[in-house]
């Protein structure tokens, strides 16, 4: 099985420049998302809210936007986590986090036009997509 190269997939110009200026962005975001997952798993709403806010802050600082994810499905899941946390809904936040996490287990399919598409039926190929 061959690896998929995403080096030719264009990001928006401003986002691309911001990410290239911060090579540690994805590493930092991954660590923050992991902390969020741990807080949700332990049932610590206050820590989960703080972790969520840290991720939002990272997106604002590096990307100049509220949502730190480039893929729309991940952005929707992330927003759902925030909404559930704001409402004190631990189960809802956990469910939304599980949805976000599943997007990393099922990489997006690449359409014939070269654009990325979310694919809930794609099998895990061991390719890490950092979008």
Protein backbone atom coordinates (compact mmCIF):
# COMPACT_ATOMS: atom_id res chain seq x y z
CA UNK A 1 0.00 0.00 0.00
CA UNK A 2 1.44 3.37 -0.94
CA UNK A 3 1.36 6.52 1.15
CA UNK A 4 -0.79 9.43 0.07
CA UNK A 5 1.08 12.67 -0.46
CA UNK A 6 -0.83 15.75 0.55
CA UNK A 7 1.94 18.19 -0.31
CA UNK A 8 0.09 19.34 -3.44
CA UNK A 9 -3.24 19.87 -1.71
CA UNK A 10 -3.62 23.64 -1.46
CA UNK A 11 -4.62 25.30 1.76
CA UNK A 12 -5.91 28.84 1.78
CA UNK A 13 -3.04 31.29 1.39
CA UNK A 14 -3.36 32.85 4.83
CA UNK A 15 -3.68 29.50 6.60
CA UNK A 16 -0.81 28.04 4.61
CA UNK A 17 1.46 30.95 5.49
CA UNK A 18 0.50 30.82 9.15
CA UNK A 19 1.14 27.09 9.43
CA UNK A 20 4.46 27.36 7.60
CA UNK A 21 5.52 30.02 10.11
CA UNK A 22 4.71 27.67 12.98
CA UNK A 23 6.05 24.20 12.14
CA UNK A 24 5.05 22.96 15.58
CA UNK A 25 1.37 23.87 15.08
CA UNK A 26 0.11 20.35 14.40
CA UNK A 27 2.25 18.92 17.19
CA UNK A 28 0.90 21.49 19.65
CA UNK A 29 -2.69 20.98 18.50
CA UNK A 30 -2.35 17.20 18.76
CA UNK A 31 -1.09 17.49 22.35
CA UNK A 32 -3.92 19.87 23.28
CA UNK A 33 -6.54 17.61 21.68
CA UNK A 34 -5.11 14.65 23.59
CA UNK A 35 -5.40 16.59 26.86
CA UNK A 36 -8.99 17.47 25.98
CA UNK A 37 -9.76 13.79 25.40
CA UNK A 38 -8.19 12.82 28.72
CA UNK A 39 -10.20 15.47 30.57
CA UNK A 40 -13.42 14.30 28.92
CA UNK A 41 -12.64 10.68 29.67
CA UNK A 42 -12.06 11.48 33.34
CA UNK A 43 -15.27 13.54 33.49
CA UNK A 44 -13.47 16.79 34.39
CA UNK A 45 -15.65 19.42 32.70
CA UNK A 46 -13.59 22.36 34.00
CA UNK A 47 -10.34 20.92 32.63
CA UNK A 48 -12.05 19.99 29.35
CA UNK A 49 -13.36 23.55 28.97
CA UNK A 50 -9.86 24.93 29.63
CA UNK A 51 -8.34 22.51 27.12
CA UNK A 52 -10.98 23.46 24.55
CA UNK A 53 -10.21 27.15 25.11
CA UNK A 54 -6.48 26.45 24.72
CA UNK A 55 -7.15 24.83 21.34
CA UNK A 56 -9.30 27.78 20.24
CA UNK A 57 -6.53 30.14 21.34
CA UNK A 58 -3.96 28.17 19.37
CA UNK A 59 -6.14 28.43 16.26
CA UNK A 60 -6.56 32.18 16.75
CA UNK A 61 -2.85 32.70 17.33
CA UNK A 62 -1.53 30.61 14.45
CA UNK A 63 -4.37 30.61 11.92
CA UNK A 64 -6.22 33.80 12.90
CA UNK A 65 -9.50 31.88 13.16
CA UNK A 66 -11.66 30.39 15.91
CA UNK A 67 -11.59 26.85 14.59
CA UNK A 68 -8.15 25.20 14.51
CA UNK A 69 -9.11 22.50 11.99
CA UNK A 70 -8.96 22.75 8.22
CA UNK A 71 -11.34 19.89 7.44
CA UNK A 72 -14.98 20.87 7.79
CA UNK A 73 -16.01 17.58 9.43
CA UNK A 74 -13.37 18.04 12.12
CA UNK A 75 -14.38 21.66 12.56
CA UNK A 76 -18.01 20.65 13.07
CA UNK A 77 -17.05 18.00 15.61
CA UNK A 78 -14.83 20.50 17.43
CA UNK A 79 -17.65 23.07 17.53
CA UNK A 80 -20.00 20.38 18.86
CA UNK A 81 -17.55 19.68 21.68
CA UNK A 82 -17.52 23.39 22.56
CA UNK A 83 -21.30 23.63 22.51
CA UNK A 84 -21.69 20.60 24.73
CA UNK A 85 -19.08 21.90 27.18
CA UNK A 86 -20.80 25.27 27.30
CA UNK A 87 -24.04 23.48 28.23
CA UNK A 88 -22.34 21.27 30.82
CA UNK A 89 -23.17 18.21 28.74
CA UNK A 90 -20.34 15.76 29.44
CA UNK A 91 -21.92 12.90 27.48
CA UNK A 92 -22.48 15.15 24.46
CA UNK A 93 -18.90 16.43 24.60
CA UNK A 94 -17.60 12.86 24.86
CA UNK A 95 -19.71 11.80 21.88
CA UNK A 96 -18.53 14.77 19.79
CA UNK A 97 -14.93 14.03 20.76
CA UNK A 98 -15.38 10.41 19.65
CA UNK A 99 -16.64 11.71 16.30
CA UNK A 100 -13.61 13.99 15.99
CA UNK A 101 -11.29 11.15 16.92
CA UNK A 102 -12.88 8.86 14.32
CA UNK A 103 -11.89 11.25 11.53
CA UNK A 104 -8.27 10.38 12.23
CA UNK A 105 -8.97 6.66 12.00
CA UNK A 106 -10.72 7.04 8.63
CA UNK A 107 -8.69 9.36 6.39
CA UNK A 108 -10.59 11.34 3.76
CA UNK A 109 -10.88 10.01 0.25
CA UNK A 110 -9.38 12.03 -2.57
CA UNK A 111 -11.90 12.74 -5.32
CA UNK A 112 -11.07 12.61 -9.00
CA UNK A 113 -10.75 16.40 -8.95
CA UNK A 114 -8.01 16.12 -6.33
CA UNK A 115 -10.03 17.54 -3.46
CA UNK A 116 -10.38 15.84 -0.10
CA UNK A 117 -13.70 14.27 0.83
CA UNK A 118 -14.71 12.90 4.20
CA UNK A 119 -15.18 9.16 3.89
CA UNK A 120 -16.82 7.39 6.80
CA UNK A 121 -16.28 4.03 5.10
CA UNK A 122 -12.58 4.44 4.30
CA UNK A 123 -10.42 1.86 5.98
CA UNK A 124 -7.47 2.92 8.09
CA UNK A 125 -4.34 2.88 5.95
CA UNK A 126 -1.80 4.03 8.48
CA UNK A 127 -1.54 7.42 6.74
CA UNK A 128 -1.50 10.37 9.09
CA UNK A 129 -3.51 13.27 7.70
CA UNK A 130 -2.90 16.50 9.55
CA UNK A 131 -5.65 18.82 8.39
